[in-house]
C-alpha cells in the first residue's frame, strides 16, 4: 500500500499509537498534535487520507479538513471525536468528511474504514 496518511490528534499517546499501528499495516504516516503543525505538514506533503480529531487546542478538525480538500480534493477524510453528537457528524459530512468515528476508537475498526476506501 502506498497511501500517505496524516493523523491529527492532540492526545500524544493516542496519536503515536495510531501512527505506529498504521505504519505496521503498510502505510506511510505523518502526525501532528495541533492544527498549526498539521497545516505545516500539508504545505510540504500530499496526503491521500487524513484522520482528524475534531477538537484541537488551536482549531477544529473541520478547519483542517477544508485545507486538506483544498490542496487535494480527492483526499479521503475521517473525522474522529469524543464528542460524538449528531451535529458534529452532520457538520463533518457536510464539510466533505468521508467517515465519522466516535472515540474510543478500535484501531482495527479504523483500519477497516481505511481499507474500505481502496
Protein backbone atom coordinates (compact mmCIF):
# COMPACT_ATOMS: atom_id res chain seq x y z
CA UNK A 1 0.00 0.00 0.00
CA UNK A 2 1.33 3.42 -0.89
CA UNK A 3 -1.26 5.58 0.80
CA UNK A 4 0.18 8.57 2.68
CA UNK A 5 -1.85 9.31 5.81
CA UNK A 6 -1.96 12.40 8.02
CA UNK A 7 -3.10 11.90 11.61
CA UNK A 8 -4.02 14.99 13.61
CA UNK A 9 -4.74 14.20 17.26
CA UNK A 10 -3.84 16.30 20.32
CA UNK A 11 -3.65 13.27 22.64
CA UNK A 12 0.03 12.47 22.07
CA UNK A 13 -0.11 8.87 23.32
CA UNK A 14 -3.18 8.02 21.24
CA UNK A 15 -1.71 9.80 18.20
CA UNK A 16 1.53 7.81 18.39
CA UNK A 17 -0.42 4.58 18.95
CA UNK A 18 -2.42 5.15 15.74
CA UNK A 19 0.71 6.18 13.84
CA UNK A 20 2.59 3.01 14.83
CA UNK A 21 -0.44 0.80 14.16
CA UNK A 22 -0.96 2.18 10.65
CA UNK A 23 2.75 2.01 9.82
CA UNK A 24 2.77 -1.67 10.85
CA UNK A 25 -0.08 -2.13 8.38
CA UNK A 26 1.97 -0.76 5.49
CA UNK A 27 1.01 2.91 5.37
CA UNK A 28 3.28 5.94 5.27
CA UNK A 29 2.08 8.05 8.21
CA UNK A 30 2.85 11.54 9.47
CA UNK A 31 1.25 13.02 12.55
CA UNK A 32 0.61 16.33 14.25
CA UNK A 33 -0.78 17.28 17.64
CA UNK A 34 -2.10 20.73 16.65
CA UNK A 35 -3.80 22.39 13.74
CA UNK A 36 -0.76 24.63 13.18
CA UNK A 37 1.55 21.61 12.88
CA UNK A 38 -0.95 19.87 10.59
CA UNK A 39 -1.06 22.88 8.25
CA UNK A 40 2.75 22.90 8.09
CA UNK A 41 2.75 19.22 7.10
CA UNK A 42 0.06 19.93 4.48
CA UNK A 43 2.26 22.62 2.93
CA UNK A 44 5.09 20.11 2.48
CA UNK A 45 3.21 16.89 1.63
CA UNK A 46 0.30 15.47 -0.30
CA UNK A 47 -1.88 13.10 1.71
CA UNK A 48 -4.36 10.61 0.26
CA UNK A 49 -6.07 10.24 3.62
CA UNK A 50 -6.38 12.30 6.80
CA UNK A 51 -7.60 11.16 10.21
CA UNK A 52 -8.57 14.33 12.04
CA UNK A 53 -9.59 14.89 15.64
CA UNK A 54 -12.49 17.34 15.76
CA UNK A 55 -11.39 19.23 18.88
CA UNK A 56 -7.83 20.53 18.83
CA UNK A 57 -6.23 23.19 21.04
CA UNK A 58 -5.95 25.75 18.23
CA UNK A 59 -8.66 24.89 15.67
CA UNK A 60 -11.22 22.27 14.69
CA UNK A 61 -10.73 19.24 12.53
CA UNK A 62 -13.24 20.73 10.09
CA UNK A 63 -10.94 23.70 9.50
CA UNK A 64 -8.10 21.29 8.69
CA UNK A 65 -10.46 19.15 6.58
CA UNK A 66 -11.19 22.17 4.36
CA UNK A 67 -7.48 22.82 3.86
CA UNK A 68 -6.79 19.14 3.04
CA UNK A 69 -9.60 19.17 0.46
CA UNK A 70 -8.40 22.49 -0.99
CA UNK A 71 -4.93 21.05 -1.57
CA UNK A 72 -6.09 17.60 -2.73
CA UNK A 73 -9.84 17.32 -3.44
CA UNK A 74 -9.55 13.53 -3.83
CA UNK A 75 -8.21 13.04 -0.28
CA UNK A 76 -10.36 10.89 1.97
CA UNK A 77 -11.14 12.31 5.41
CA UNK A 78 -12.05 10.50 8.62
CA UNK A 79 -13.13 12.81 11.44
CA UNK A 80 -12.84 11.48 14.99
CA UNK A 81 -14.08 12.95 18.26
CA UNK A 82 -15.01 12.13 21.82
CA UNK A 83 -17.97 14.41 21.34
CA UNK A 84 -19.97 12.03 19.15
CA UNK A 85 -23.08 14.16 18.78
CA UNK A 86 -25.15 14.25 15.62
CA UNK A 87 -24.45 17.96 14.98
CA UNK A 88 -20.70 17.39 14.73
CA UNK A 89 -21.20 14.34 12.50
CA UNK A 90 -23.54 16.26 10.19
CA UNK A 91 -21.18 19.24 10.03
CA UNK A 92 -18.27 16.91 9.24
CA UNK A 93 -20.10 15.14 6.41
CA UNK A 94 -21.43 18.44 5.03
CA UNK A 95 -17.86 19.79 5.01
CA UNK A 96 -16.57 16.84 2.99
CA UNK A 97 -15.64 14.17 5.52
CA UNK A 98 -15.92 10.65 4.12
CA UNK A 99 -16.41 9.00 7.53
CA UNK A 100 -17.04 9.96 11.14
CA UNK A 101 -15.90 7.80 14.05
CA UNK A 102 -16.60 8.40 17.74
CA UNK A 103 -13.95 7.73 20.37
CA UNK A 104 -12.92 5.41 21.85
CA UNK A 105 -11.61 4.06 18.56
CA UNK A 106 -10.70 0.45 17.99
CA UNK A 107 -7.61 0.58 15.69
CA UNK A 108 -8.82 -2.50 13.79
CA UNK A 109 -12.14 -0.77 13.05
CA UNK A 110 -10.27 2.32 11.83
CA UNK A 111 -8.17 0.09 9.58
CA UNK A 112 -11.33 -1.44 8.11
CA UNK A 113 -12.71 2.03 7.32
CA UNK A 114 -9.41 3.00 5.66
CA UNK A 115 -9.27 -0.22 3.64
CA UNK A 116 -12.87 0.37 2.58
CA UNK A 117 -11.76 3.49 0.66
CA UNK A 118 -9.49 1.48 -1.66
